[in-house]
Amino acid sequence: MTFASPKTEAPAQRFKEATDAARDALEGLIAAANEAGWATEEITAALLEAAQFLRDANKKDPDPADDPAISDISARQEQIGHGELYD
């Protein structure tokens, strides 16, 4: 799935363009979910929940690409507990 690039820098117009693009993408996603056996009401509720989760995650960490890879952090450094080396 691809999105068209914004055509303007005006915030109100960008929001409308983003909303239109998102609606088009969601209509296709919902149709695919319906074909797979999901009801529209349950899939839209799940999409809203997933969108809220992603929004909250973005607020906490707007650029996760800057985070170190898990393999870059030693298990000892990340150990949580009472002096034991590994859980």
PDB file of N, CA and C in Angstrom:
ATOM      1  N   MET A   1       0.849  -1.160   0.000  1.00  0.00           N
ATOM      2  CA  MET A   1       0.000   0.000   0.000  1.00  0.00           C
ATOM      3  C   MET A   1       0.902   1.232   0.000  1.00  0.00           C
ATOM      4  N   THR A   2       0.558   2.212  -0.790  1.00  0.00           N
ATOM      5  CA  THR A   2       1.331   3.442  -0.854  1.00  0.00           C
ATOM      6  C   THR A   2       0.422   4.636  -0.622  1.00  0.00           C
ATOM      7  N   PHE A   3       1.008   5.706  -0.173  1.00  0.00           N
ATOM      8  CA  PHE A   3       0.299   6.962   0.024  1.00  0.00           C
ATOM      9  C   PHE A   3       0.911   8.000  -0.905  1.00  0.00           C
ATOM     10  N   ALA A   4       0.069   8.866  -1.427  1.00  0.00           N
ATOM     11  CA  ALA A   4       0.566   9.988  -2.222  1.00  0.00           C
ATOM     12  C   ALA A   4       1.238  10.992  -1.289  1.00  0.00           C
ATOM     13  N   SER A   5       2.212  11.689  -1.820  1.00  0.00           N
ATOM     14  CA  SER A   5       2.875  12.740  -1.039  1.00  0.00           C
ATOM     15  C   SER A   5       1.925  13.913  -0.855  1.00  0.00           C
ATOM     16  N   PRO A   6       2.077  14.652   0.251  1.00  0.00           N
ATOM     17  CA  PRO A   6       1.230  15.832   0.447  1.00  0.00           C
ATOM     18  C   PRO A   6       1.439  16.841  -0.678  1.00  0.00           C
ATOM     19  N   LYS A   7       0.371  17.520  -1.038  1.00  0.00           N
ATOM     20  CA  LYS A   7       0.436  18.494  -2.132  1.00  0.00           C
ATOM     21  C   LYS A   7       0.589  19.919  -1.630  1.00  0.00           C
ATOM     22  N   THR A   8       0.519  20.125  -0.328  1.00  0.00           N
ATOM     23  CA  THR A   8       0.565  21.455   0.247  1.00  0.00           C
ATOM     24  C   THR A   8       1.283  21.419   1.589  1.00  0.00           C
ATOM     25  N   GLU A   9       1.638  22.586   2.067  1.00  0.00           N
ATOM     26  CA  GLU A   9       2.228  22.711   3.401  1.00  0.00           C
ATOM     27  C   GLU A   9       1.228  23.270   4.400  1.00  0.00           C
ATOM     28  N   ALA A  10       0.063  23.693   3.923  1.00  0.00           N
ATOM     29  CA  ALA A  10      -0.961  24.254   4.808  1.00  0.00           C
ATOM     30  C   ALA A  10      -1.510  23.144   5.703  1.00  0.00           C
ATOM     31  N   PRO A  11      -1.425  23.335   7.036  1.00  0.00           N
ATOM     32  CA  PRO A  11      -1.831  22.272   7.963  1.00  0.00           C
ATOM     33  C   PRO A  11      -3.249  21.745   7.744  1.00  0.00           C
ATOM     34  N   ALA A  12      -4.214  22.622   7.531  1.00  0.00           N
ATOM     35  CA  ALA A  12      -5.603  22.175   7.353  1.00  0.00           C
ATOM     36  C   ALA A  12      -5.751  21.323   6.091  1.00  0.00           C
ATOM     37  N   GLN A  13      -5.112  21.728   5.013  1.00  0.00           N
ATOM     38  CA  GLN A  13      -5.191  20.967   3.770  1.00  0.00           C
ATOM     39  C   GLN A  13      -4.446  19.643   3.890  1.00  0.00           C
ATOM     40  N   ARG A  14      -3.281  19.664   4.561  1.00  0.00           N
ATOM     41  CA  ARG A  14      -2.529  18.417   4.775  1.00  0.00           C
ATOM     42  C   ARG A  14      -3.370  17.420   5.574  1.00  0.00           C
ATOM     43  N   PHE A  15      -4.073  17.927   6.595  1.00  0.00           N
ATOM     44  CA  PHE A  15      -4.916  17.052   7.404  1.00  0.00           C
ATOM     45  C   PHE A  15      -6.014  16.423   6.556  1.00  0.00           C
ATOM     46  N   LYS A  16      -6.641  17.226   5.698  1.00  0.00           N
ATOM     47  CA  LYS A  16      -7.691  16.687   4.821  1.00  0.00           C
ATOM     48  C   LYS A  16      -7.118  15.659   3.864  1.00  0.00           C
ATOM     49  N   GLU A  17      -5.967  15.941   3.267  1.00  0.00           N
ATOM     50  CA  GLU A  17      -5.327  14.983   2.356  1.00  0.00           C
ATOM     51  C   GLU A  17      -4.980  13.691   3.095  1.00  0.00           C
ATOM     52  N   ALA A  18      -4.442  13.824   4.302  1.00  0.00           N
ATOM     53  CA  ALA A  18      -4.078  12.638   5.086  1.00  0.00           C
ATOM     54  C   ALA A  18      -5.323  11.833   5.452  1.00  0.00           C
ATOM     55  N   THR A  19      -6.388  12.532   5.828  1.00  0.00           N
ATOM     56  CA  THR A  19      -7.640  11.862   6.183  1.00  0.00           C
ATOM     57  C   THR A  19      -8.213  11.114   4.985  1.00  0.00           C
ATOM     58  N   ASP A  20      -8.202  11.750   3.835  1.00  0.00           N
ATOM     59  CA  ASP A  20      -8.711  11.103   2.618  1.00  0.00           C
ATOM     60  C   ASP A  20      -7.878   9.865   2.265  1.00  0.00           C
ATOM     61  N   ALA A  21      -6.564   9.987   2.353  1.00  0.00           N
ATOM     62  CA  ALA A  21      -5.687   8.855   2.044  1.00  0.00           C
ATOM     63  C   ALA A  21      -5.885   7.726   3.044  1.00  0.00           C
ATOM     64  N   ALA A  22      -6.004   8.075   4.313  1.00  0.00           N
ATOM     65  CA  ALA A  22      -6.216   7.060   5.346  1.00  0.00           C
ATOM     66  C   ALA A  22      -7.556   6.364   5.154  1.00  0.00           C
ATOM     67  N   ARG A  23      -8.586   7.132   4.824  1.00  0.00           N
ATOM     68  CA  ARG A  23      -9.913   6.538   4.602  1.00  0.00           C
ATOM     69  C   ARG A  23      -9.875   5.544   3.443  1.00  0.00           C
ATOM     70  N   ASP A  24      -9.213   5.936   2.354  1.00  0.00           N
ATOM     71  CA  ASP A  24      -9.097   5.024   1.208  1.00  0.00           C
ATOM     72  C   ASP A  24      -8.379   3.737   1.609  1.00  0.00           C
ATOM     73  N   ALA A  25      -7.284   3.880   2.352  1.00  0.00           N
ATOM     74  CA  ALA A  25      -6.524   2.700   2.784  1.00  0.00           C
ATOM     75  C   ALA A  25      -7.360   1.832   3.721  1.00  0.00           C
ATOM     76  N   LEU A  26      -8.079   2.461   4.638  1.00  0.00           N
ATOM     77  CA  LEU A  26      -8.899   1.697   5.585  1.00  0.00           C
ATOM     78  C   LEU A  26     -10.055   0.987   4.899  1.00  0.00           C
ATOM     79  N   GLU A  27     -10.643   1.617   3.901  1.00  0.00           N
ATOM     80  CA  GLU A  27     -11.728   0.948   3.170  1.00  0.00           C
ATOM     81  C   GLU A  27     -11.227  -0.346   2.534  1.00  0.00           C
ATOM     82  N   GLY A  28     -10.038  -0.306   1.954  1.00  0.00           N
ATOM     83  CA  GLY A  28      -9.464  -1.515   1.382  1.00  0.00           C
ATOM     84  C   GLY A  28      -9.132  -2.553   2.441  1.00  0.00           C
ATOM     85  N   LEU A  29      -8.609  -2.088   3.565  1.00  0.00           N
ATOM     86  CA  LEU A  29      -8.262  -2.992   4.665  1.00  0.00           C
ATOM     87  C   LEU A  29      -9.512  -3.643   5.260  1.00  0.00           C
ATOM     88  N   ILE A  30     -10.557  -2.857   5.438  1.00  0.00           N
ATOM     89  CA  ILE A  30     -11.808  -3.390   5.979  1.00  0.00           C
ATOM     90  C   ILE A  30     -12.431  -4.382   5.011  1.00  0.00           C
ATOM     91  N   ALA A  31     -12.390  -4.081   3.724  1.00  0.00           N
ATOM     92  CA  ALA A  31     -12.922  -5.017   2.727  1.00  0.00           C
ATOM     93  C   ALA A  31     -12.158  -6.337   2.778  1.00  0.00           C
ATOM     94  N   ALA A  32     -10.838  -6.271   2.907  1.00  0.00           N
ATOM     95  CA  ALA A  32     -10.041  -7.497   2.994  1.00  0.00           C
ATOM     96  C   ALA A  32     -10.374  -8.266   4.271  1.00  0.00           C
ATOM     97  N   ALA A  33     -10.574  -7.544   5.372  1.00  0.00           N
ATOM     98  CA  ALA A  33     -10.938  -8.192   6.641  1.00  0.00           C
ATOM     99  C   ALA A  33     -12.317  -8.839   6.537  1.00  0.00           C
ATOM    100  N   ASN A  34     -13.256  -8.156   5.880  1.00  0.00           N
ATOM    101  CA  ASN A  34     -14.589  -8.732   5.681  1.00  0.00           C
ATOM    102  C   ASN A  34     -14.513 -10.031   4.890  1.00  0.00           C
ATOM    103  N   GLU A  35     -13.695 -10.028   3.838  1.00  0.00           N
ATOM    104  CA  GLU A  35     -13.531 -11.241   3.029  1.00  0.00           C
ATOM    105  C   GLU A  35     -12.934 -12.382   3.847  1.00  0.00           C
ATOM    106  N   ALA A  36     -12.120 -12.039   4.834  1.00  0.00           N
ATOM    107  CA  ALA A  36     -11.496 -13.060   5.676  1.00  0.00           C
ATOM    108  C   ALA A  36     -12.425 -13.530   6.799  1.00  0.00           C
ATOM    109  N   GLY A  37     -13.585 -12.884   6.937  1.00  0.00           N
ATOM    110  CA  GLY A  37     -14.545 -13.338   7.933  1.00  0.00           C
ATOM    111  C   GLY A  37     -14.740 -12.408   9.119  1.00  0.00           C
ATOM    112  N   TRP A  38     -14.061 -11.268   9.148  1.00  0.00           N
ATOM    113  CA  TRP A  38     -14.236 -10.313  10.240  1.00  0.00           C
ATOM    114  C   TRP A  38     -15.406  -9.398   9.932  1.00  0.00           C
ATOM    115  N   ALA A  39     -16.223  -9.106  10.950  1.00  0.00           N
ATOM    116  CA  ALA A  39     -17.328  -8.164  10.792  1.00  0.00           C
ATOM    117  C   ALA A  39     -16.772  -6.741  10.773  1.00  0.00           C
ATOM    118  N   THR A  40     -17.430  -5.861  10.050  1.00  0.00           N
ATOM    119  CA  THR A  40     -16.971  -4.477   9.943  1.00  0.00           C
ATOM    120  C   THR A  40     -16.856  -3.819  11.317  1.00  0.00           C
ATOM    121  N   GLU A  41     -17.858  -4.011  12.169  1.00  0.00           N
ATOM    122  CA  GLU A  41     -17.847  -3.386  13.494  1.00  0.00           C
ATOM    123  C   GLU A  41     -16.650  -3.862  14.328  1.00  0.00           C
ATOM    124  N   GLU A  42     -16.376  -5.160  14.311  1.00  0.00           N
ATOM    125  CA  GLU A  42     -15.264  -5.637  15.137  1.00  0.00           C
ATOM    126  C   GLU A  42     -13.911  -5.226  14.569  1.00  0.00           C
ATOM    127  N   ILE A  43     -13.782  -5.171  13.254  1.00  0.00           N
ATOM    128  CA  ILE A  43     -12.486  -4.793  12.684  1.00  0.00           C
ATOM    129  C   ILE A  43     -12.256  -3.296  12.828  1.00  0.00           C
ATOM    130  N   THR A  44     -13.307  -2.482  12.710  1.00  0.00           N
ATOM    131  CA  THR A  44     -13.111  -1.039  12.906  1.00  0.00           C
ATOM    132  C   THR A  44     -12.762  -0.738  14.361  1.00  0.00           C
ATOM    133  N   ALA A  45     -13.381  -1.453  15.306  1.00  0.00           N
ATOM    134  CA  ALA A  45     -13.023  -1.268  16.722  1.00  0.00           C
ATOM    135  C   ALA A  45     -11.568  -1.684  16.958  1.00  0.00           C
ATOM    136  N   ALA A  46     -11.143  -2.772  16.335  1.00  0.00           N
ATOM    137  CA  ALA A  46      -9.754  -3.222  16.478  1.00  0.00           C
ATOM    138  C   ALA A  46      -8.788  -2.219  15.845  1.00  0.00           C
ATOM    139  N   LEU A  47      -9.158  -1.651  14.702  1.00  0.00           N
ATOM    140  CA  LEU A  47      -8.313  -0.649  14.053  1.00  0.00           C
ATOM    141  C   LEU A  47      -8.189   0.606  14.917  1.00  0.00           C
ATOM    142  N   LEU A  48      -9.286   1.027  15.526  1.00  0.00           N
ATOM    143  CA  LEU A  48      -9.226   2.186  16.421  1.00  0.00           C
ATOM    144  C   LEU A  48      -8.304   1.919  17.606  1.00  0.00           C
ATOM    145  N   GLU A  49      -8.412   0.738  18.185  1.00  0.00           N
ATOM    146  CA  GLU A  49      -7.553   0.355  19.315  1.00  0.00           C
ATOM    147  C   GLU A  49      -6.089   0.327  18.882  1.00  0.00           C
ATOM    148  N   ALA A  50      -5.824  -0.257  17.726  1.00  0.00           N
ATOM    149  CA  ALA A  50      -4.449  -0.336  17.225  1.00  0.00           C
ATOM    150  C   ALA A  50      -3.900   1.060  16.921  1.00  0.00           C
ATOM    151  N   ALA A  51      -4.731   1.924  16.347  1.00  0.00           N
ATOM    152  CA  ALA A  51      -4.294   3.288  16.044  1.00  0.00           C
ATOM    153  C   ALA A  51      -3.968   4.044  17.327  1.00  0.00           C
ATOM    154  N   GLN A  52      -4.781   3.872  18.357  1.00  0.00           N
ATOM    155  CA  GLN A  52      -4.521   4.536  19.637  1.00  0.00           C
ATOM    156  C   GLN A  52      -3.222   4.022  20.257  1.00  0.00           C
ATOM    157  N   PHE A  53      -2.989   2.716  20.171  1.00  0.00           N
ATOM    158  CA  PHE A  53      -1.743   2.136  20.681  1.00  0.00           C
ATOM    159  C   PHE A  53      -0.541   2.756  19.965  1.00  0.00           C
ATOM    160  N   LEU A  54      -0.616   2.848  18.634  1.00  0.00           N
ATOM    161  CA  LEU A  54       0.489   3.418  17.860  1.00  0.00           C
ATOM    162  C   LEU A  54       0.676   4.901  18.166  1.00  0.00           C
ATOM    163  N   ARG A  55      -0.423   5.615  18.359  1.00  0.00           N
ATOM    164  CA  ARG A  55      -0.329   7.036  18.714  1.00  0.00           C
ATOM    165  C   ARG A  55       0.356   7.210  20.062  1.00  0.00           C
ATOM    166  N   ASP A  56      -0.049   6.406  21.046  1.00  0.00           N
ATOM    167  CA  ASP A  56       0.570   6.470  22.377  1.00  0.00           C
ATOM    168  C   ASP A  56       2.048   6.106  22.319  1.00  0.00           C
ATOM    169  N   ALA A  57       2.376   5.073  21.553  1.00  0.00           N
ATOM    170  CA  ALA A  57       3.771   4.659  21.415  1.00  0.00           C
ATOM    171  C   ALA A  57       4.596   5.762  20.770  1.00  0.00           C
ATOM    172  N   ASN A  58       4.027   6.445  19.791  1.00  0.00           N
ATOM    173  CA  ASN A  58       4.740   7.536  19.130  1.00  0.00           C
ATOM    174  C   ASN A  58       4.972   8.710  20.077  1.00  0.00           C
ATOM    175  N   LYS A  59       4.011   8.961  20.955  1.00  0.00           N
ATOM    176  CA  LYS A  59       4.188  10.042  21.943  1.00  0.00           C
ATOM    177  C   LYS A  59       5.323   9.709  22.898  1.00  0.00           C
ATOM    178  N   LYS A  60       5.435   8.440  23.283  1.00  0.00           N
ATOM    179  CA  LYS A  60       6.489   8.016  24.209  1.00  0.00           C
ATOM    180  C   LYS A  60       7.849   7.994  23.543  1.00  0.00           C
ATOM    181  N   ASP A  61       7.906   7.583  22.288  1.00  0.00           N
ATOM    182  CA  ASP A  61       9.178   7.459  21.570  1.00  0.00           C
ATOM    183  C   ASP A  61       8.957   7.823  20.114  1.00  0.00           C
ATOM    184  N   PRO A  62       9.042   9.128  19.786  1.00  0.00           N
ATOM    185  CA  PRO A  62       8.740   9.565  18.424  1.00  0.00           C
ATOM    186  C   PRO A  62       9.696   9.042  17.358  1.00  0.00           C
ATOM    187  N   ASP A  63      10.885   8.610  17.729  1.00  0.00           N
ATOM    188  CA  ASP A  63      11.838   8.129  16.738  1.00  0.00           C
ATOM    189  C   ASP A  63      12.505   6.845  17.227  1.00  0.00           C
ATOM    190  N   PRO A  64      11.781   5.721  17.186  1.00  0.00           N
ATOM    191  CA  PRO A  64      12.354   4.474  17.696  1.00  0.00           C
ATOM    192  C   PRO A  64      13.559   3.989  16.903  1.00  0.00           C
ATOM    193  N   ALA A  65      13.757   4.508  15.708  1.00  0.00           N
ATOM    194  CA  ALA A  65      14.926   4.099  14.913  1.00  0.00           C
ATOM    195  C   ALA A  65      16.224   4.510  15.598  1.00  0.00           C
ATOM    196  N   ASP A  66      16.159   5.516  16.464  1.00  0.00           N
ATOM    197  CA  ASP A  66      17.349   5.954  17.192  1.00  0.00           C
ATOM    198  C   ASP A  66      17.677   5.055  18.377  1.00  0.00           C
ATOM    199  N   ASP A  67      16.763   4.175  18.767  1.00  0.00           N
ATOM    200  CA  ASP A  67      16.989   3.292  19.905  1.00  0.00           C
ATOM    201  C   ASP A  67      18.036   2.242  19.561  1.00  0.00           C
ATOM    202  N   PRO A  68      18.817   1.816  20.554  1.00  0.00           N
ATOM    203  CA  PRO A  68      19.799   0.762  20.270  1.00  0.00           C
ATOM    204  C   PRO A  68      19.096  -0.564  19.992  1.00  0.00           C
ATOM    205  N   ALA A  69      19.695  -1.353  19.148  1.00  0.00           N
ATOM    206  CA  ALA A  69      19.162  -2.688  18.882  1.00  0.00           C
ATOM    207  C   ALA A  69      19.276  -3.515  20.151  1.00  0.00           C
ATOM    208  N   ILE A  70      18.368  -4.440  20.348  1.00  0.00           N
ATOM    209  CA  ILE A  70      18.392  -5.273  21.548  1.00  0.00           C
ATOM    210  C   ILE A  70      19.722  -6.000  21.672  1.00  0.00           C
ATOM    211  N   SER A  71      20.259  -6.434  20.558  1.00  0.00           N
ATOM    212  CA  SER A  71      21.527  -7.165  20.596  1.00  0.00           C
ATOM    213  C   SER A  71      22.692  -6.270  20.999  1.00  0.00           C
ATOM    214  N   ASP A  72      22.508  -4.934  20.967  1.00  0.00           N
ATOM    215  CA  ASP A  72      23.562  -4.007  21.367  1.00  0.00           C
ATOM    216  C   ASP A  72      23.638  -3.807  22.874  1.00  0.00           C
ATOM    217  N   ILE A  73      22.654  -4.302  23.613  1.00  0.00           N
ATOM    218  CA  ILE A  73      22.600  -4.122  25.061  1.00  0.00           C
ATOM    219  C   ILE A  73      22.853  -5.459  25.719  1.00  0.00           C
ATOM    220  N   SER A  74      23.810  -5.487  26.613  1.00  0.00           N
ATOM    221  CA  SER A  74      24.124  -6.761  27.265  1.00  0.00           C
ATOM    222  C   SER A  74      23.014  -7.159  28.228  1.00  0.00           C
ATOM    223  N   ALA A  75      22.835  -8.443  28.420  1.00  0.00           N
ATOM    224  CA  ALA A  75      21.824  -8.955  29.342  1.00  0.00           C
ATOM    225  C   ALA A  75      22.120  -8.486  30.757  1.00  0.00           C
ATOM    226  N   ARG A  76      23.367  -8.414  31.135  1.00  0.00           N
ATOM    227  CA  ARG A  76      23.740  -7.972  32.475  1.00  0.00           C
ATOM    228  C   ARG A  76      23.341  -6.513  32.680  1.00  0.00           C
ATOM    229  N   GLN A  77      23.546  -5.679  31.681  1.00  0.00           N
ATOM    230  CA  GLN A  77      23.212  -4.262  31.768  1.00  0.00           C
ATOM    231  C   GLN A  77      21.704  -4.066  31.935  1.00  0.00           C
ATOM    232  N   GLU A  78      20.911  -4.877  31.291  1.00  0.00           N
ATOM    233  CA  GLU A  78      19.469  -4.741  31.327  1.00  0.00           C
ATOM    234  C   GLU A  78      18.804  -5.580  32.410  1.00  0.00           C
ATOM    235  N   GLN A  79      19.579  -6.252  33.245  1.00  0.00           N
ATOM    236  CA  GLN A  79      19.027  -7.145  34.263  1.00  0.00           C
ATOM    237  C   GLN A  79      18.193  -6.360  35.277  1.00  0.00           C
ATOM    238  N   ILE A  80      17.010  -6.852  35.527  1.00  0.00           N
ATOM    239  CA  ILE A  80      16.150  -6.286  36.550  1.00  0.00           C
ATOM    240  C   ILE A  80      15.976  -7.368  37.598  1.00  0.00           C
ATOM    241  N   GLY A  81      16.269  -7.061  38.817  1.00  0.00           N
ATOM    242  CA  GLY A  81      16.132  -8.063  39.872  1.00  0.00           C
ATOM    243  C   GLY A  81      16.917  -7.676  41.094  1.00  0.00           C
ATOM    244  N   HIS A  82      17.313  -8.674  41.847  1.00  0.00           N
ATOM    245  CA  HIS A  82      17.974  -8.455  43.121  1.00  0.00           C
ATOM    246  C   HIS A  82      19.356  -9.041  43.133  1.00  0.00           C
ATOM    247  N   GLY A  83      20.149  -8.694  42.147  1.00  0.00           N
ATOM    248  CA  GLY A  83      21.538  -9.150  42.122  1.00  0.00           C
ATOM    249  C   GLY A  83      21.782 -10.367  41.286  1.00  0.00           C
ATOM    250  N   GLU A  84      20.741 -11.096  40.892  1.00  0.00           N
ATOM    251  CA  GLU A  84      20.977 -12.259  40.032  1.00  0.00           C
ATOM    252  C   GLU A  84      21.352 -11.778  38.635  1.00  0.00           C
ATOM    253  N   LEU A  85      22.119 -12.596  37.932  1.00  0.00           N
ATOM    254  CA  LEU A  85      22.577 -12.197  36.601  1.00  0.00           C
ATOM    255  C   LEU A  85      21.494 -12.329  35.551  1.00  0.00           C
ATOM    256  N   TYR A  86      20.725 -13.377  35.629  1.00  0.00           N
ATOM    257  CA  TYR A  86      19.712 -13.623  34.610  1.00  0.00           C
ATOM    258  C   TYR A  86      18.434 -14.113  35.255  1.00  0.00           C
ATOM    259  N   ASP A  87      17.314 -13.754  34.660  1.00  0.00           N
ATOM    260  CA  ASP A  87      16.014 -14.250  35.160  1.00  0.00           C
ATOM    261  C   ASP A  87      15.762 -15.639  34.654  1.00  0.00           C
TER     262      ASP A  87
END
